[in-house]
Amino acid sequence: MELSRTLASRVMSYLLSTTAALSRGVRTADYFVNKFATVPSILVEIGYVTHPIEGLNLRNSDYRDRIAYGIARGVLEYLENDYPTE
């Protein structure tokens, strides 16, 4: 669980820096898709399509590219610095 929290923190940090979105924090929940994972796992919530501002952002391909970049950079940073090698 702690490794997943670290991964989530890394990804959130990069997402915030690439999109300037508001942070809603890292939360822990007992989701089925993560519950039985044998490796660190996270769910990323990137916004609400029904929100007046977030919905517009999510329609923008540049914004979605920045989201993808932020997630990828966060995962790579985690793998390079935090993921146990043994």
N, C-alpha and C. Protein backbone atom coordinates (compact mmCIF):
# COMPACT_ATOMS: atom_id res chain seq x y z
N MET A 1 0.83 -1.19 0.00
CA MET A 1 0.00 0.00 0.00
C MET A 1 0.88 1.26 0.00
N GLU A 2 1.96 1.22 0.75
CA GLU A 2 2.83 2.39 0.82
C GLU A 2 3.49 2.68 -0.53
N LEU A 3 3.86 1.64 -1.26
CA LEU A 3 4.46 1.84 -2.58
C LEU A 3 3.45 2.48 -3.54
N SER A 4 2.21 2.07 -3.46
CA SER A 4 1.17 2.66 -4.30
C SER A 4 0.96 4.13 -3.95
N ARG A 5 1.01 4.46 -2.67
CA ARG A 5 0.86 5.85 -2.23
C ARG A 5 2.01 6.70 -2.76
N THR A 6 3.21 6.16 -2.72
CA THR A 6 4.37 6.89 -3.25
C THR A 6 4.22 7.11 -4.75
N LEU A 7 3.80 6.07 -5.46
CA LEU A 7 3.55 6.20 -6.90
C LEU A 7 2.51 7.27 -7.17
N ALA A 8 1.42 7.24 -6.43
CA ALA A 8 0.35 8.22 -6.61
C ALA A 8 0.86 9.64 -6.36
N SER A 9 1.69 9.81 -5.36
CA SER A 9 2.24 11.14 -5.05
C SER A 9 3.12 11.65 -6.18
N ARG A 10 3.94 10.75 -6.73
CA ARG A 10 4.81 11.14 -7.86
C ARG A 10 3.96 11.56 -9.07
N VAL A 11 2.98 10.75 -9.40
CA VAL A 11 2.14 11.04 -10.56
C VAL A 11 1.38 12.35 -10.33
N MET A 12 0.81 12.53 -9.15
CA MET A 12 0.07 13.75 -8.88
C MET A 12 0.96 14.99 -8.99
N SER A 13 2.17 14.88 -8.48
CA SER A 13 3.10 16.01 -8.57
C SER A 13 3.34 16.42 -10.02
N TYR A 14 3.59 15.46 -10.88
CA TYR A 14 3.82 15.78 -12.29
C TYR A 14 2.55 16.25 -12.99
N LEU A 15 1.42 15.66 -12.65
CA LEU A 15 0.15 16.12 -13.25
C LEU A 15 -0.11 17.58 -12.90
N LEU A 16 0.13 17.94 -11.66
CA LEU A 16 -0.12 19.32 -11.24
C LEU A 16 0.84 20.28 -11.93
N SER A 17 2.08 19.85 -12.11
CA SER A 17 3.05 20.75 -12.76
C SER A 17 2.80 20.90 -14.26
N THR A 18 2.23 19.89 -14.89
CA THR A 18 2.01 19.98 -16.34
C THR A 18 0.65 20.56 -16.70
N THR A 19 -0.30 20.52 -15.78
CA THR A 19 -1.65 20.99 -16.12
C THR A 19 -2.12 22.19 -15.31
N ALA A 20 -1.48 22.47 -14.19
CA ALA A 20 -1.91 23.53 -13.27
C ALA A 20 -3.31 23.28 -12.73
N ALA A 21 -3.71 22.01 -12.70
CA ALA A 21 -5.02 21.64 -12.15
C ALA A 21 -4.99 21.76 -10.63
N LEU A 22 -6.16 21.77 -10.02
CA LEU A 22 -6.26 21.80 -8.57
C LEU A 22 -6.00 20.40 -8.01
N SER A 23 -5.29 20.35 -6.91
CA SER A 23 -5.03 19.08 -6.25
C SER A 23 -6.19 18.71 -5.35
N ARG A 24 -6.66 17.51 -5.52
CA ARG A 24 -7.67 16.98 -4.60
C ARG A 24 -7.03 15.96 -3.66
N GLY A 25 -5.71 15.88 -3.71
CA GLY A 25 -4.96 15.02 -2.80
C GLY A 25 -4.88 13.57 -3.25
N VAL A 26 -4.09 12.82 -2.52
CA VAL A 26 -3.95 11.38 -2.74
C VAL A 26 -4.81 10.71 -1.68
N ARG A 27 -5.67 9.84 -2.12
CA ARG A 27 -6.56 9.14 -1.20
C ARG A 27 -6.36 7.63 -1.33
N THR A 28 -6.65 6.95 -0.27
CA THR A 28 -6.56 5.49 -0.26
C THR A 28 -7.96 4.91 -0.19
N ALA A 29 -8.22 3.92 -1.02
CA ALA A 29 -9.51 3.24 -1.01
C ALA A 29 -9.28 1.77 -1.37
N ASP A 30 -10.23 0.96 -1.05
CA ASP A 30 -10.13 -0.48 -1.26
C ASP A 30 -10.82 -0.89 -2.57
N TYR A 31 -10.36 -0.33 -3.68
CA TYR A 31 -10.95 -0.64 -4.98
C TYR A 31 -10.55 -2.03 -5.44
N PHE A 32 -11.49 -2.74 -5.99
CA PHE A 32 -11.25 -4.11 -6.44
C PHE A 32 -10.09 -4.18 -7.43
N VAL A 33 -10.03 -3.24 -8.36
CA VAL A 33 -8.99 -3.29 -9.40
C VAL A 33 -7.59 -3.13 -8.83
N ASN A 34 -7.47 -2.51 -7.67
CA ASN A 34 -6.17 -2.34 -7.02
C ASN A 34 -5.93 -3.36 -5.91
N LYS A 35 -6.98 -3.87 -5.36
CA LYS A 35 -6.91 -4.70 -4.16
C LYS A 35 -6.00 -5.92 -4.31
N PHE A 36 -6.06 -6.58 -5.45
CA PHE A 36 -5.30 -7.81 -5.63
C PHE A 36 -4.08 -7.62 -6.54
N ALA A 37 -3.70 -6.41 -6.78
CA ALA A 37 -2.53 -6.15 -7.62
C ALA A 37 -1.27 -6.60 -6.89
N THR A 38 -0.36 -7.22 -7.61
CA THR A 38 0.89 -7.68 -7.01
C THR A 38 2.00 -6.65 -7.13
N VAL A 39 1.72 -5.55 -7.79
CA VAL A 39 2.66 -4.45 -7.94
C VAL A 39 1.94 -3.17 -7.52
N PRO A 40 2.67 -2.10 -7.24
CA PRO A 40 2.00 -0.85 -6.90
C PRO A 40 1.03 -0.44 -8.01
N SER A 41 -0.14 0.04 -7.63
CA SER A 41 -1.14 0.44 -8.62
C SER A 41 -1.92 1.64 -8.12
N ILE A 42 -2.39 2.44 -9.08
CA ILE A 42 -3.15 3.65 -8.75
C ILE A 42 -4.27 3.83 -9.76
N LEU A 43 -5.26 4.60 -9.37
CA LEU A 43 -6.28 5.09 -10.29
C LEU A 43 -6.07 6.60 -10.37
N VAL A 44 -6.11 7.14 -11.56
CA VAL A 44 -5.89 8.57 -11.74
C VAL A 44 -7.18 9.23 -12.19
N GLU A 45 -7.65 10.16 -11.40
CA GLU A 45 -8.84 10.93 -11.77
C GLU A 45 -8.35 12.26 -12.33
N ILE A 46 -8.67 12.53 -13.58
CA ILE A 46 -8.10 13.70 -14.23
C ILE A 46 -9.06 14.87 -14.36
N GLY A 47 -10.28 14.71 -13.95
CA GLY A 47 -11.23 15.80 -14.02
C GLY A 47 -12.63 15.30 -14.28
N TYR A 48 -13.55 16.23 -14.27
CA TYR A 48 -14.96 15.91 -14.48
C TYR A 48 -15.44 16.55 -15.79
N VAL A 49 -15.97 15.74 -16.68
CA VAL A 49 -16.43 16.28 -17.96
C VAL A 49 -17.62 17.21 -17.78
N THR A 50 -18.34 17.08 -16.67
CA THR A 50 -19.50 17.95 -16.44
C THR A 50 -19.14 19.26 -15.74
N HIS A 51 -17.89 19.38 -15.30
CA HIS A 51 -17.46 20.63 -14.67
C HIS A 51 -17.27 21.69 -15.75
N PRO A 52 -17.71 22.92 -15.51
CA PRO A 52 -17.64 23.94 -16.56
C PRO A 52 -16.23 24.23 -17.08
N ILE A 53 -15.23 24.20 -16.22
CA ILE A 53 -13.85 24.49 -16.67
C ILE A 53 -13.12 23.20 -17.02
N GLU A 54 -13.18 22.21 -16.13
CA GLU A 54 -12.49 20.95 -16.39
C GLU A 54 -13.01 20.29 -17.66
N GLY A 55 -14.31 20.37 -17.88
CA GLY A 55 -14.89 19.78 -19.09
C GLY A 55 -14.31 20.40 -20.35
N LEU A 56 -14.15 21.72 -20.35
CA LEU A 56 -13.54 22.39 -21.51
C LEU A 56 -12.09 21.97 -21.67
N ASN A 57 -11.36 21.89 -20.55
CA ASN A 57 -9.96 21.46 -20.63
C ASN A 57 -9.84 20.06 -21.21
N LEU A 58 -10.71 19.17 -20.78
CA LEU A 58 -10.63 17.78 -21.23
C LEU A 58 -10.97 17.62 -22.71
N ARG A 59 -11.62 18.60 -23.29
CA ARG A 59 -11.90 18.57 -24.73
C ARG A 59 -10.70 19.01 -25.56
N ASN A 60 -9.72 19.59 -24.91
CA ASN A 60 -8.54 20.14 -25.57
C ASN A 60 -7.46 19.07 -25.69
N SER A 61 -7.04 18.74 -26.90
CA SER A 61 -6.06 17.67 -27.10
C SER A 61 -4.70 18.01 -26.49
N ASP A 62 -4.32 19.28 -26.49
CA ASP A 62 -3.06 19.69 -25.86
C ASP A 62 -3.11 19.41 -24.36
N TYR A 63 -4.23 19.69 -23.75
CA TYR A 63 -4.40 19.44 -22.32
C TYR A 63 -4.31 17.93 -22.04
N ARG A 64 -4.95 17.14 -22.85
CA ARG A 64 -4.89 15.69 -22.68
C ARG A 64 -3.48 15.16 -22.89
N ASP A 65 -2.73 15.76 -23.81
CA ASP A 65 -1.32 15.38 -24.01
C ASP A 65 -0.51 15.71 -22.76
N ARG A 66 -0.78 16.85 -22.14
CA ARG A 66 -0.06 17.22 -20.92
C ARG A 66 -0.42 16.27 -19.77
N ILE A 67 -1.67 15.83 -19.72
CA ILE A 67 -2.07 14.85 -18.72
C ILE A 67 -1.27 13.56 -18.93
N ALA A 68 -1.24 13.07 -20.16
CA ALA A 68 -0.51 11.84 -20.46
C ALA A 68 0.96 11.97 -20.12
N TYR A 69 1.55 13.12 -20.46
CA TYR A 69 2.96 13.36 -20.15
C TYR A 69 3.18 13.36 -18.63
N GLY A 70 2.31 14.02 -17.89
CA GLY A 70 2.44 14.08 -16.43
C GLY A 70 2.36 12.69 -15.80
N ILE A 71 1.43 11.88 -16.28
CA ILE A 71 1.32 10.51 -15.76
C ILE A 71 2.58 9.71 -16.08
N ALA A 72 3.02 9.80 -17.33
CA ALA A 72 4.21 9.05 -17.75
C ALA A 72 5.44 9.48 -16.97
N ARG A 73 5.65 10.78 -16.82
CA ARG A 73 6.82 11.27 -16.08
C ARG A 73 6.76 10.84 -14.62
N GLY A 74 5.58 10.88 -14.03
CA GLY A 74 5.43 10.45 -12.64
C GLY A 74 5.77 8.99 -12.45
N VAL A 75 5.30 8.16 -13.39
CA VAL A 75 5.59 6.73 -13.31
C VAL A 75 7.09 6.49 -13.50
N LEU A 76 7.69 7.14 -14.49
CA LEU A 76 9.13 6.97 -14.72
C LEU A 76 9.95 7.43 -13.52
N GLU A 77 9.59 8.55 -12.94
CA GLU A 77 10.28 9.06 -11.76
C GLU A 77 10.18 8.05 -10.61
N TYR A 78 9.01 7.49 -10.44
CA TYR A 78 8.81 6.48 -9.41
C TYR A 78 9.69 5.25 -9.67
N LEU A 79 9.69 4.75 -10.90
CA LEU A 79 10.47 3.57 -11.24
C LEU A 79 11.96 3.81 -11.06
N GLU A 80 12.41 5.00 -11.39
CA GLU A 80 13.84 5.32 -11.30
C GLU A 80 14.29 5.53 -9.87
N ASN A 81 13.41 6.00 -8.98
CA ASN A 81 13.86 6.40 -7.65
C ASN A 81 13.24 5.67 -6.48
N ASP A 82 12.05 5.10 -6.65
CA ASP A 82 11.33 4.56 -5.50
C ASP A 82 10.99 3.09 -5.58
N TYR A 83 10.94 2.52 -6.77
CA TYR A 83 10.49 1.14 -6.91
C TYR A 83 11.59 0.20 -6.44
N PRO A 84 11.27 -0.71 -5.51
CA PRO A 84 12.31 -1.63 -5.02
C PRO A 84 12.81 -2.55 -6.13
N THR A 85 14.09 -2.74 -6.20
CA THR A 85 14.66 -3.57 -7.25
C THR A 85 14.79 -5.03 -6.82
N GLU A 86 14.60 -5.32 -5.57
CA GLU A 86 14.67 -6.72 -5.10
C GLU A 86 13.46 -7.08 -4.32
